[in-house]
Protein backbone atom coordinates (compact mmCIF):
# COMPACT_ATOMS: atom_id res chain seq x y z
CA MET A 1 -19.28 42.45 -59.16
CA VAL A 2 -15.57 41.59 -60.62
CA ARG A 3 -14.60 40.16 -57.23
CA LYS A 4 -16.79 36.94 -57.99
CA ILE A 5 -15.43 36.31 -61.40
CA LYS A 6 -13.09 33.64 -61.78
CA ALA A 7 -10.52 35.58 -63.66
CA LYS A 8 -8.42 32.72 -64.78
CA LEU A 9 -11.32 30.79 -66.37
CA VAL A 10 -12.14 33.83 -68.33
CA LEU A 11 -8.54 34.10 -69.67
CA GLN A 12 -8.75 30.40 -70.45
CA LEU A 13 -12.14 30.64 -72.47
CA ARG A 14 -10.75 33.67 -74.64
CA ASN A 15 -7.45 31.36 -75.39
CA GLN A 16 -10.05 28.89 -76.66
CA GLY A 17 -11.08 31.40 -79.07
CA LEU A 18 -14.61 32.43 -77.27
CA SER A 19 -15.79 36.07 -77.60
CA GLY A 20 -16.69 38.25 -74.73
CA ARG A 21 -20.38 38.08 -75.47
CA ALA A 22 -20.08 34.13 -75.72
CA MET A 23 -18.50 34.04 -72.22
CA ALA A 24 -20.82 36.16 -70.58
CA SER A 25 -23.72 34.01 -72.09
CA ALA A 26 -22.29 30.68 -71.25
CA GLN A 27 -21.06 31.44 -67.67
CA GLY A 28 -23.67 33.77 -66.53
CA ILE A 29 -21.57 36.49 -65.95
CA ALA A 30 -22.25 40.29 -66.95
CA ARG A 31 -20.40 41.33 -70.07
CA ASN A 32 -18.83 44.40 -68.11
CA SER A 33 -17.41 42.24 -65.62
CA VAL A 34 -16.05 40.05 -68.08
CA GLN A 35 -14.65 42.94 -70.46
CA ALA A 36 -13.09 44.47 -67.19
CA VAL A 37 -11.15 40.97 -66.94
CA LEU A 38 -10.05 41.34 -70.54
CA ASP A 39 -9.04 44.98 -70.41
CA SER A 40 -6.89 44.35 -67.09
CA ALA A 41 -5.31 41.69 -68.98
CA ASP A 42 -4.42 43.34 -72.02
CA ARG A 43 -3.17 46.60 -70.18
CA LEU A 44 -0.87 44.17 -67.90
CA GLY A 45 0.36 42.18 -70.94
CA LEU A 46 -0.85 38.86 -69.36
CA GLY A 47 -2.07 36.00 -71.49
CA TRP A 48 -3.27 32.43 -70.80
CA ASP A 49 0.44 31.16 -70.99
CA ASP A 50 1.45 33.41 -68.29
CA VAL A 51 -1.33 32.51 -65.67
CA GLU A 52 -1.80 29.06 -66.67
CA GLU A 53 0.46 27.59 -63.51
CA MET A 54 -1.10 30.29 -61.26
CA PRO A 55 -3.86 29.65 -58.62
CA GLU A 56 -6.84 31.58 -59.13
CA ALA A 57 -6.62 33.81 -56.22
CA GLU A 58 -3.23 34.88 -57.61
CA VAL A 59 -4.40 35.19 -60.93
CA TYR A 60 -7.48 37.79 -59.59
CA ALA A 61 -4.80 39.56 -57.37
CA ALA A 62 -2.33 40.29 -60.40
CA LEU A 63 -5.35 41.68 -62.64
CA PHE A 64 -6.97 43.78 -59.80
CA PRO A 65 -4.08 44.48 -57.05
CA GLY A 66 -5.35 45.97 -54.10
CA ARG A 67 -9.27 45.39 -54.96
CA GLY A 68 -11.38 44.07 -52.20
CA VAL A 69 -8.76 45.19 -49.41
CA HIS A 70 -9.84 47.55 -47.00
CA GLU A 71 -8.71 48.87 -43.50
CA SER A 72 -10.61 47.44 -40.60
CA VAL A 73 -12.67 49.93 -38.28
CA PHE A 74 -11.26 47.47 -35.20
CA ALA A 75 -8.21 48.21 -33.29
CA GLN A 76 -6.06 45.01 -34.30
CA PRO A 77 -4.58 42.69 -31.35
CA ASP A 78 -1.01 41.95 -31.16
CA TRP A 79 -1.41 38.37 -32.54
CA VAL A 80 2.40 37.63 -31.51
CA ARG A 81 1.72 38.69 -28.01
CA ILE A 82 -1.39 36.96 -27.79
CA HIS A 83 -0.18 33.39 -29.10
CA THR A 84 2.59 33.78 -26.68
CA GLU A 85 0.32 34.51 -23.49
CA LEU A 86 -1.93 31.80 -24.59
CA ALA A 87 0.71 29.25 -23.84
CA ARG A 88 0.54 30.00 -20.11
CA VAL A 89 -1.47 27.83 -17.49
CA GLY A 90 -5.12 29.30 -17.06
CA VAL A 91 -4.97 31.92 -19.91
CA THR A 92 -7.87 31.38 -22.42
CA LEU A 93 -9.06 33.37 -25.82
CA LYS A 94 -11.83 34.92 -23.50
CA LEU A 95 -9.54 36.47 -20.98
CA LEU A 96 -7.06 37.75 -23.63
CA HIS A 97 -10.20 39.32 -25.36
CA GLN A 98 -11.44 41.02 -22.15
CA GLU A 99 -7.95 42.41 -21.74
CA TYR A 100 -7.81 43.59 -25.39
CA VAL A 101 -11.27 45.28 -25.09
CA ASP A 102 -9.98 46.89 -21.70
CA ALA A 103 -6.77 48.33 -23.41
CA THR A 104 -8.18 49.61 -26.44
CA SER A 105 -11.94 50.45 -26.19
CA LYS A 106 -11.11 53.90 -25.24
CA ALA A 107 -9.57 54.67 -28.21
CA GLN A 108 -10.84 52.63 -31.04
CA ALA A 109 -13.80 50.04 -31.80
CA THR A 110 -12.87 46.75 -30.54
CA MET A 111 -14.14 43.22 -32.32
CA SER A 112 -16.27 40.93 -30.80
CA TYR A 113 -15.11 37.67 -29.15
CA ASP A 114 -16.28 35.60 -32.01
CA ARG A 115 -14.29 37.61 -34.55
CA PHE A 116 -11.47 37.83 -32.11
CA CYS A 117 -11.17 33.66 -31.95
CA ARG A 118 -11.66 33.43 -35.85
CA LEU A 119 -8.90 35.89 -36.41
CA TYR A 120 -6.63 34.28 -33.91
CA GLY A 121 -7.28 30.99 -36.04
CA ASP A 122 -6.41 32.61 -39.27
CA TYR A 123 -3.09 33.92 -37.88
CA ALA A 124 -2.31 30.33 -36.34
CA ALA A 125 -2.96 28.96 -39.98
CA VAL A 126 -1.15 31.70 -41.96
CA SER A 127 1.96 32.07 -39.97
CA GLY A 128 2.08 27.86 -39.51
CA ALA A 129 2.15 28.33 -35.86
CA THR A 130 0.46 25.53 -33.55
CA SER A 131 -2.77 26.84 -32.02
CA ARG A 132 -2.57 27.01 -28.40
CA VAL A 133 -6.25 26.18 -27.61
CA GLY A 134 -5.55 22.56 -27.67
CA HIS A 135 -2.31 22.10 -25.85
CA LYS A 136 -1.07 24.29 -22.66
CA ALA A 137 2.54 24.59 -22.14
CA GLY A 138 3.97 22.33 -19.10
CA ARG A 139 0.58 20.68 -18.50
CA SER A 140 1.02 17.11 -19.69
CA ILE A 141 3.52 14.34 -21.10
CA GLU A 142 2.25 11.69 -23.24
CA VAL A 143 4.30 8.27 -23.14
CA ASP A 144 3.97 5.02 -24.87
CA TRP A 145 6.13 2.13 -26.03
CA SER A 146 7.23 2.08 -29.71
CA GLY A 147 6.13 -0.72 -31.88
CA PRO A 148 9.24 -1.03 -33.65
CA THR A 149 11.95 -2.47 -31.88
CA MET A 150 15.95 -2.43 -31.89
CA GLN A 151 18.40 -5.17 -31.31
CA LEU A 152 21.58 -6.12 -29.33
CA LEU A 153 24.25 -8.56 -30.40
CA ASP A 154 25.59 -10.99 -27.91
CA PRO A 155 29.42 -10.97 -28.87
CA ALA A 156 30.01 -14.26 -26.97
CA THR A 157 27.11 -16.20 -28.64
CA GLY A 158 26.10 -14.21 -31.53
CA GLU A 159 22.60 -14.28 -30.48
CA MET A 160 20.46 -11.31 -31.25
CA SER A 161 18.16 -10.04 -28.32
CA LYS A 162 15.11 -7.38 -28.72
CA VAL A 163 15.38 -3.82 -27.24
CA TYR A 164 12.35 -2.05 -26.63
CA LEU A 165 11.88 1.83 -26.91
CA PHE A 166 10.08 3.87 -24.47
CA VAL A 167 8.87 7.42 -26.16
CA ALA A 168 7.77 10.28 -24.37
CA CYS A 169 6.52 13.56 -25.84
CA LEU A 170 5.53 17.27 -24.35
CA PRO A 171 2.43 18.04 -26.82
CA PHE A 172 3.15 21.73 -26.59
CA SER A 173 6.86 22.06 -27.93
CA ARG A 174 6.82 18.31 -29.12
CA TYR A 175 10.25 18.00 -27.38
CA ALA A 176 10.82 14.29 -27.32
CA PHE A 177 12.58 11.59 -25.10
CA VAL A 178 13.45 8.01 -25.82
CA GLU A 179 14.71 5.52 -23.38
CA ALA A 180 15.86 1.92 -24.49
CA CYS A 181 14.86 -1.11 -22.30
CA LEU A 182 15.51 -4.73 -22.44
CA ASP A 183 11.92 -5.70 -21.45
CA MET A 184 8.52 -3.95 -21.12
CA ARG A 185 7.88 -5.08 -17.40
CA GLN A 186 6.85 -2.88 -14.50
CA GLU A 187 10.49 -2.07 -13.46
CA SER A 188 11.51 -1.39 -16.79
CA TRP A 189 8.23 1.04 -17.28
CA LEU A 190 9.04 2.88 -14.06
CA ARG A 191 12.55 3.43 -14.74
CA ALA A 192 12.17 4.66 -18.22
CA HIS A 193 9.68 7.21 -16.20
CA THR A 194 12.59 8.43 -13.69
CA SER A 195 14.83 8.84 -16.69
CA MET A 196 12.23 10.78 -18.45
CA PHE A 197 11.74 13.37 -15.86
CA THR A 198 15.60 13.68 -15.25
CA PHE A 199 16.13 14.42 -19.01
CA PHE A 200 13.30 16.92 -19.07
CA GLY A 201 14.63 18.46 -15.69
CA ALA A 202 10.90 19.13 -14.62
CA SER A 203 7.69 17.65 -13.90
CA VAL A 204 4.10 18.13 -14.95
CA PRO A 205 0.61 17.66 -13.67
CA ARG A 206 -0.59 15.14 -15.92
CA LEU A 207 0.54 11.77 -17.63
CA VAL A 208 -1.05 10.51 -20.37
CA PRO A 209 -0.32 6.81 -21.15
CA ASP A 210 -1.83 4.12 -23.13
CA ASN A 211 -3.90 1.48 -21.15
CA LEU A 212 -1.18 -1.02 -20.61
CA LYS A 213 -1.20 -3.32 -17.61
CA THR A 214 2.09 -1.84 -16.11
CA GLY A 215 0.44 1.48 -15.98
CA VAL A 216 -3.52 0.94 -16.06
CA ILE A 217 -5.35 -2.17 -14.64
CA SER A 218 -8.65 -1.33 -15.85
CA HIS A 219 -10.13 1.57 -18.04
CA PRO A 220 -13.77 0.89 -17.83
CA LYS A 221 -16.33 2.97 -20.02
CA GLU A 222 -18.12 3.63 -17.02
CA GLY A 223 -16.81 4.23 -13.46
CA GLU A 224 -13.17 5.16 -12.20
CA VAL A 225 -9.97 4.01 -13.86
CA VAL A 226 -8.12 1.30 -11.74
CA LEU A 227 -4.42 2.37 -11.76
CA ASN A 228 -1.38 0.00 -11.10
CA ASP A 229 -0.23 0.82 -7.56
CA ALA A 230 3.46 1.20 -8.52
CA TYR A 231 2.58 3.35 -11.24
CA ARG A 232 0.25 5.63 -9.36
CA GLU A 233 2.85 5.91 -6.51
CA MET A 234 5.61 6.86 -9.08
CA ALA A 235 3.13 9.69 -10.55
CA ALA A 236 2.38 10.92 -7.14
CA HIS A 237 6.27 11.22 -6.31
CA TYR A 238 6.44 13.71 -9.20
CA SER A 239 3.17 15.54 -8.24
CA ALA A 240 1.54 14.19 -11.06
CA ALA A 241 -1.86 12.44 -12.03
CA VAL A 242 -2.17 9.69 -14.30
CA LEU A 243 -5.19 10.45 -16.98
CA PRO A 244 -4.86 7.30 -19.63
CA GLY A 245 -6.26 7.82 -23.04
CA ARG A 246 -9.65 6.22 -23.67
CA VAL A 247 -9.39 2.70 -25.12
CA ARG A 248 -9.07 2.58 -28.58
CA HIS A 249 -8.82 6.74 -28.99
CA PRO A 250 -5.29 6.98 -30.14
CA ARG A 251 -5.94 10.71 -30.82
CA ASP A 252 -6.20 11.13 -27.18
CA LYS A 253 -2.35 10.92 -27.09
CA SER A 254 -1.54 11.81 -30.76
CA SER A 255 1.61 13.56 -30.04
CA ALA A 256 3.11 10.21 -28.54
CA GLU A 257 1.91 8.54 -31.58
CA ASN A 258 3.26 11.07 -33.98
CA THR A 259 6.73 11.04 -32.18
CA VAL A 260 6.51 7.08 -32.34
CA SER A 261 6.74 7.40 -36.08
CA HIS A 262 9.56 10.22 -36.09
CA VAL A 263 11.53 7.62 -33.67
CA ALA A 264 11.32 4.74 -36.31
CA THR A 265 12.85 7.28 -38.70
CA TRP A 266 15.40 9.16 -36.49
CA VAL A 267 16.47 6.30 -34.22
CA ILE A 268 15.81 3.09 -35.70
CA ALA A 269 16.27 3.74 -39.33
CA GLY A 270 19.20 6.23 -38.44
CA LEU A 271 21.12 3.57 -36.65
CA ARG A 272 20.34 0.55 -38.70
CA HIS A 273 23.80 0.17 -39.96
CA GLU A 274 25.28 0.18 -36.69
CA GLN A 275 25.56 -3.00 -34.29
CA PHE A 276 25.53 -2.65 -30.75
CA THR A 277 26.65 -5.41 -27.96
CA SER A 278 25.73 -3.42 -24.99
CA LEU A 279 22.81 -1.24 -23.61
CA PRO A 280 25.01 1.59 -22.45
CA GLN A 281 26.52 1.64 -26.03
CA LEU A 282 23.12 2.04 -27.77
CA LEU A 283 21.54 4.49 -25.12
CA THR A 284 24.54 6.92 -25.92
CA ARG A 285 23.68 6.66 -29.75
CA ILE A 286 20.02 7.07 -29.16
CA TYR A 287 20.39 10.01 -26.87
CA GLU A 288 22.68 11.53 -29.95
CA GLN A 289 19.99 10.89 -32.48
CA ILE A 290 17.24 12.12 -30.13
CA ASP A 291 19.05 15.22 -29.30
CA SER A 292 19.50 15.80 -33.28
CA TYR A 293 15.83 15.56 -33.55
CA ASN A 294 14.85 17.99 -31.18
CA ARG A 295 17.05 20.34 -32.87
CA GLN A 296 15.71 19.83 -36.22
CA PRO A 297 14.01 23.10 -37.21
CA PHE A 298 10.18 22.83 -37.85
CA GLN A 299 8.82 22.90 -41.49
CA LYS A 300 6.07 24.99 -40.85
CA ARG A 301 6.65 27.17 -37.86
CA ASP A 302 9.98 29.10 -36.37
CA GLY A 303 12.37 27.35 -34.30
CA SER A 304 12.60 23.64 -33.13
CA ARG A 305 11.30 21.63 -30.62
CA LEU A 306 14.62 22.25 -28.33
CA SER A 307 14.08 26.16 -28.60
CA VAL A 308 10.15 25.95 -27.95
CA PHE A 309 11.00 23.90 -24.97
CA THR A 310 13.67 26.10 -23.84
CA THR A 311 12.14 29.48 -24.23
CA GLU A 312 8.51 28.94 -23.78
CA GLU A 313 7.67 25.61 -22.15
CA LYS A 314 10.33 24.91 -19.62
CA PRO A 315 9.86 28.03 -17.44
CA LEU A 316 6.17 26.93 -17.05
CA LEU A 317 7.16 23.43 -15.68
CA GLN A 318 6.86 22.32 -12.07
CA PRO A 319 10.16 21.42 -10.18
CA LEU A 320 11.41 17.95 -9.40
CA PRO A 321 11.30 16.53 -6.02
CA ALA A 322 14.50 16.60 -4.32
CA ALA A 323 15.18 12.73 -4.46
CA PRO A 324 14.24 10.57 -7.26
CA PHE A 325 11.48 8.31 -7.26
CA GLU A 326 12.86 4.75 -5.87
CA ILE A 327 11.63 1.68 -7.91
CA SER A 328 9.50 -0.61 -6.06
CA SER A 329 7.35 -4.06 -6.35
CA TRP A 330 4.42 -5.06 -4.48
CA SER A 331 3.59 -8.46 -3.16
CA TYR A 332 0.02 -8.98 -2.05
CA LYS A 333 -1.80 -10.88 0.62
CA ARG A 334 1.23 -12.26 2.68
CA LYS A 335 0.03 -13.90 5.93
CA VAL A 336 1.70 -12.85 9.23
CA ASN A 337 3.01 -15.86 10.97
CA LYS A 338 2.45 -16.93 14.80
CA ASN A 339 5.64 -15.43 15.26
CA ALA A 340 4.77 -11.92 14.09
CA HIS A 341 7.01 -12.20 11.08
CA VAL A 342 6.25 -12.36 7.45
CA VAL A 343 8.35 -14.11 4.72
CA TRP A 344 9.90 -12.42 1.84
CA ALA A 345 12.76 -14.00 -0.38
CA ARG A 346 13.47 -16.58 2.07
CA ASN A 347 13.80 -14.54 5.00
CA PHE A 348 11.72 -13.27 7.79
CA TYR A 349 10.60 -9.50 8.57
CA SER A 350 8.68 -8.62 11.89
CA VAL A 351 5.13 -7.22 11.75
CA PRO A 352 3.34 -5.67 14.88
CA PHE A 353 2.06 -8.59 16.75
CA SER A 354 -1.45 -7.20 16.82
CA HIS A 355 -1.79 -8.10 13.27
CA ILE A 356 -0.63 -12.03 13.55
CA GLY A 357 -2.78 -13.95 11.07
CA ALA A 358 -3.43 -11.23 9.09
CA LEU A 359 -2.86 -10.68 5.23
CA VAL A 360 -0.58 -7.82 4.41
CA ASP A 361 0.85 -6.18 1.31
CA LEU A 362 4.56 -5.75 0.87
CA ARG A 363 6.29 -2.99 -0.89
CA VAL A 364 9.88 -3.84 -1.89
CA THR A 365 12.52 -1.28 -3.04
CA GLU A 366 16.14 -2.06 -3.77
CA THR A 367 17.08 -1.23 0.06
CA MET A 368 13.66 -1.25 1.75
CA LEU A 369 10.86 -3.51 2.78
CA GLU A 370 7.66 -1.81 4.04
CA VAL A 371 4.65 -3.52 5.43
CA TYR A 372 1.01 -2.30 4.64
CA ARG A 373 -2.58 -3.58 5.77
CA GLY A 374 -4.81 -1.68 3.51
CA ASP A 375 -3.80 2.04 3.34
CA GLU A 376 -1.99 1.92 6.82
CA ARG A 377 1.72 1.40 6.76
CA LEU A 378 2.62 -0.98 9.66
CA THR A 379 6.54 -1.10 9.51
CA SER A 380 9.54 -1.09 7.26
CA HIS A 381 13.07 -2.86 7.33
CA LEU A 382 16.28 -2.66 5.69
CA LEU A 383 16.20 -5.38 2.81
CA LEU A 384 18.62 -8.27 3.72
CA PRO A 385 21.01 -9.35 0.96
CA ALA A 386 19.66 -11.65 -1.89
CA SER A 387 22.31 -13.97 -0.83
CA THR A 388 20.80 -14.71 2.67
CA THR A 389 18.47 -16.99 3.70
CA ASN A 390 16.44 -18.01 7.01
CA GLN A 391 17.46 -14.58 8.52
CA TYR A 392 15.31 -12.55 10.59
CA GLN A 393 14.87 -8.59 10.63
CA THR A 394 13.17 -7.97 13.78
CA ASN A 395 11.91 -4.57 15.41
CA ALA A 396 11.99 -5.05 18.97
CA ALA A 397 8.68 -2.78 19.16
CA ASP A 398 6.80 -5.19 16.76
CA LEU A 399 6.97 -8.07 19.45
CA PRO A 400 5.18 -8.18 22.76
CA GLU A 401 7.43 -8.71 25.97
CA GLY A 402 7.80 -12.64 26.32
CA ARG A 403 10.73 -14.88 25.22
CA SER A 404 8.40 -16.93 22.87
CA PHE A 405 8.51 -13.99 20.16
CA LEU A 406 12.34 -13.77 20.22
CA ALA A 407 13.92 -14.86 16.81
CA TRP A 408 15.81 -17.80 17.06
CA ASP A 409 19.98 -17.83 17.25
CA ARG A 410 22.23 -20.55 18.11
CA ALA A 411 22.77 -19.39 21.77
CA ARG A 412 19.13 -19.90 22.24
CA ILE A 413 18.89 -23.16 20.85
CA GLU A 414 21.72 -24.58 22.55
CA GLU A 415 20.06 -23.16 26.00
CA TRP A 416 16.97 -25.15 25.43
CA ALA A 417 19.11 -28.15 24.87
CA ALA A 418 20.84 -27.71 28.04
CA ARG A 419 17.60 -27.99 29.85
CA MET A 420 17.15 -31.51 28.02
CA GLY A 421 20.46 -32.87 29.18
CA PRO A 422 24.20 -33.28 28.09
CA ALA A 423 23.43 -36.11 25.49
CA THR A 424 20.83 -33.68 23.64
CA VAL A 425 23.39 -30.94 23.98
CA THR A 426 25.74 -33.17 22.04
CA VAL A 427 23.26 -34.19 19.40
CA ILE A 428 22.55 -30.33 18.72
CA GLY A 429 26.25 -29.59 18.56
CA LYS A 430 26.78 -32.52 16.13
CA ILE A 431 24.09 -30.84 13.99
CA PHE A 432 25.67 -27.57 14.01
CA GLU A 433 29.11 -29.09 13.02
CA THR A 434 27.66 -30.39 9.62
CA VAL A 435 26.53 -27.13 8.32
CA PHE A 436 28.72 -24.19 6.94
CA ILE A 437 26.64 -21.46 8.69
CA ASP A 438 24.52 -21.73 11.97
CA GLU A 439 21.30 -20.65 10.35
CA ALA A 440 21.33 -23.53 7.91
CA GLY A 441 21.13 -25.82 10.84
CA PHE A 442 18.30 -24.08 13.03
CA ASP A 443 15.51 -26.23 11.30
CA ALA A 444 17.05 -29.34 12.06
CA ALA A 445 17.99 -28.47 15.57
CA LEU A 446 14.52 -27.21 16.43
CA ALA A 447 12.97 -30.33 14.97
CA VAL A 448 14.86 -32.56 17.61
CA LEU A 449 14.10 -29.93 20.55
CA ARG A 450 10.47 -29.97 19.63
CA LEU A 451 10.05 -33.57 20.25
CA SER A 452 9.95 -32.62 23.98
CA ARG A 453 6.72 -31.32 23.46
CA ARG A 454 5.42 -34.70 22.28
CA PHE A 455 7.51 -36.79 24.66
CA PRO A 456 8.86 -36.05 28.36
CA PRO A 457 12.42 -34.46 28.19
CA ALA A 458 13.92 -37.18 30.36
CA ARG A 459 12.78 -39.59 27.20
CA LEU A 460 14.30 -37.44 24.53
CA GLU A 461 17.76 -37.22 26.58
CA ALA A 462 17.46 -40.76 26.96
CA ALA A 463 16.78 -41.50 23.10
CA CYS A 464 19.77 -38.97 22.59
CA GLN A 465 22.13 -41.20 24.75
CA LEU A 466 21.10 -44.18 22.72
CA ALA A 467 21.62 -42.69 19.42
CA LEU A 468 24.94 -41.38 20.29
CA ARG A 469 26.09 -45.06 20.98
CA GLY A 470 25.00 -46.15 17.34
CA GLN A 471 26.77 -45.74 14.21
CA VAL A 472 25.17 -42.70 13.00
CA ARG A 473 27.54 -39.83 13.25
CA SER A 474 25.00 -36.95 13.68
CA PRO A 475 21.75 -38.09 14.84
CA ARG A 476 18.65 -36.16 13.54
CA TYR A 477 14.83 -36.05 13.94
CA ALA A 478 14.86 -39.20 11.79
CA HIS A 479 16.76 -41.23 14.03
CA LEU A 480 15.40 -40.20 17.12
CA ARG A 481 11.54 -40.26 16.74
CA PRO A 482 11.48 -44.25 15.69
CA ILE A 483 13.46 -44.73 19.07
CA LEU A 484 10.84 -42.86 21.00
CA ASP A 485 7.89 -44.36 19.01
CA THR A 486 8.95 -47.79 19.63
CA GLY A 487 10.01 -47.03 23.49
CA GLN A 488 13.50 -48.23 22.80
CA ASP A 489 14.73 -45.37 25.14
CA LYS A 490 13.08 -47.36 27.95
CA THR A 491 14.89 -50.52 27.46
CA GLY A 492 18.20 -48.90 26.80
CA HIS A 493 19.17 -50.67 23.53
CA THR A 494 18.15 -50.43 19.83
CA SER A 495 16.91 -53.25 17.86
CA GLU A 496 19.47 -55.04 15.87
CA PRO A 497 18.65 -56.10 12.04
CA GLU A 498 18.06 -59.86 11.74
CA PRO A 499 20.93 -61.81 10.04
CA ASP A 500 20.10 -62.50 6.52
CA ASP A 501 21.08 -66.32 5.47
CA GLY A 502 19.68 -66.24 2.43
CA GLY A 503 22.56 -65.35 0.12
CA TYR A 504 25.92 -66.23 -0.61
CA VAL A 505 28.82 -63.95 1.06
CA ARG A 506 32.23 -63.90 -0.26
CA GLY A 507 35.05 -63.81 2.44
CA GLY A 508 37.41 -61.13 3.00
CA ALA A 509 40.35 -63.18 1.03
CA TYR A 510 38.12 -62.66 -1.92
CA TYR A 511 38.15 -58.79 -1.41
CA ALA A 512 41.68 -58.81 -0.34
CA GLY A 513 43.10 -60.37 -3.44
CA GLY A 514 43.92 -63.85 -2.30
CA PRO A 515 43.62 -67.16 -4.00
CA ARG A 516 40.18 -67.91 -5.62
């Protein structure tokens, strides 16, 4: 009966001058129970002033120590071990309860599964430990961009540029990683992930991003999630699956959201008085700040993010692949030309000739170019330097036998010109003399030689002879085509422009400085 009394209220009413009979009548409490509170307070010398700031439960415990406490008839599990084991992959409370029953049922009564789960929740709440039911160690990484940004100063111009922060968090240990990027594009997103995996030193089965376009193309309410190809490829390299949070459900990645707010304090606010002029300089300070953040002790549980990660989570992570992921970009629906080559960055790369006219996709890394048709990888090439143009990368196996499929070079062009005649050879030679590299003259030289497909080779040779007798130093297609169209190669001379007698022309003496 006394257990249900609000002992603190009884002492307060007595302090206001109410008698025991009045308190019992007003509060609907048995007089014996009220008297028990008053007798205990008098015996311990406790008055209203002593208990005014104490919670109700503490007042009751002070007046009646030990009352209501009884020994359980059930065997008590080792909750510390239960909490540790529950972090392991595949371990559930159901499994741990069965193991507890198997180990103790012969010696003592065991509690039911419902009581077992409820008492574990009480243990986690009282000890300040995070419940292991929601998050398993080494199972997922939550990633996101931080809303707040930082700035870099250009020392030459004095201009400020934005720096974006990529944030990652392991939900179990709350171990965090932050990377600074100059933009939020695809390449920066992927590069930040590779740095993240290197920082953690291991991988996990699940990546939980937001629904940004660099990672997720579409996330419908019904149907499958459509991922960005490069992001899916990166995740597969690290043996991870991308499971984006639902649209407008930030609690699906609450750990990352919470870490973003902490980063605003530890990194952005913590470095607000410092000025940075380069990204490496900023990254160094960010890594120092996030290391301090990970070492900061928890407020409601033992240890820190670093200690929990090192002792409990890191042993359960999966190892990294032997080589880091190579950043790539995709170019879609590129047509294979009739010469069995596809164009990328003003250069030409061969594709198996059976795919001429088809649309293919290109995967381009820093060193390689790969050609795909659907899910089939057709061929690959070393990427030509960005400074080159009109170069051919050709795998001999991609082309059929036959000269028409060979890539053009100067020797092949001059051989074609020699079949036309010496004047054509001279015209082609003059074209190559005007360019700084041979490749720059391929187009102009081939344009001249392809005139032999419209006109007989003998006429092209005659046109070249006629053009070389003129004043043009290096005859081109634009000079030869009018000669052939008008038939001047057949007469042997070009038409002279008609004299213009309609204007006054000063004599040579005027320009030589003679008398005027």
